[in-house]
């Protein structure tokens, strides 16, 4: 792994290890596909998106940023079913889980609405 001198090299390596396309990684991380491409080729070296990218790749954010330490140690895991900064990101995460879980979620939402007190 000594050849991975840049953040982009490490993102590309981890993405390929996870067998993800740039588009799939972007969807999981909640960023644009062009963002992943820009980071990988060195056109961008923004560190603000490393946490969601590290989480999407199940790697240590510190390793992704610096190249030091164990790539898999201490990766971010909230234990949450889904965690999003906005409703669009949440929708994408739920969509990625599959149609059966989407149907279950809709059923649960409808139950919550039906039991909600009416004014």
Foldseek 3Di string as FASTA:
>chain_A
DVVQQFLLSVLVVLCVVVVHDLCRLCLQLVHDSVVNVCRNVVVDRDLPSLLSSQQSSQFCSVCSHGVDDGGNPPRDDPVDQDDDPDPVSRVSSQVVVDDVSVVVVVVVVVVVVVPDDDD
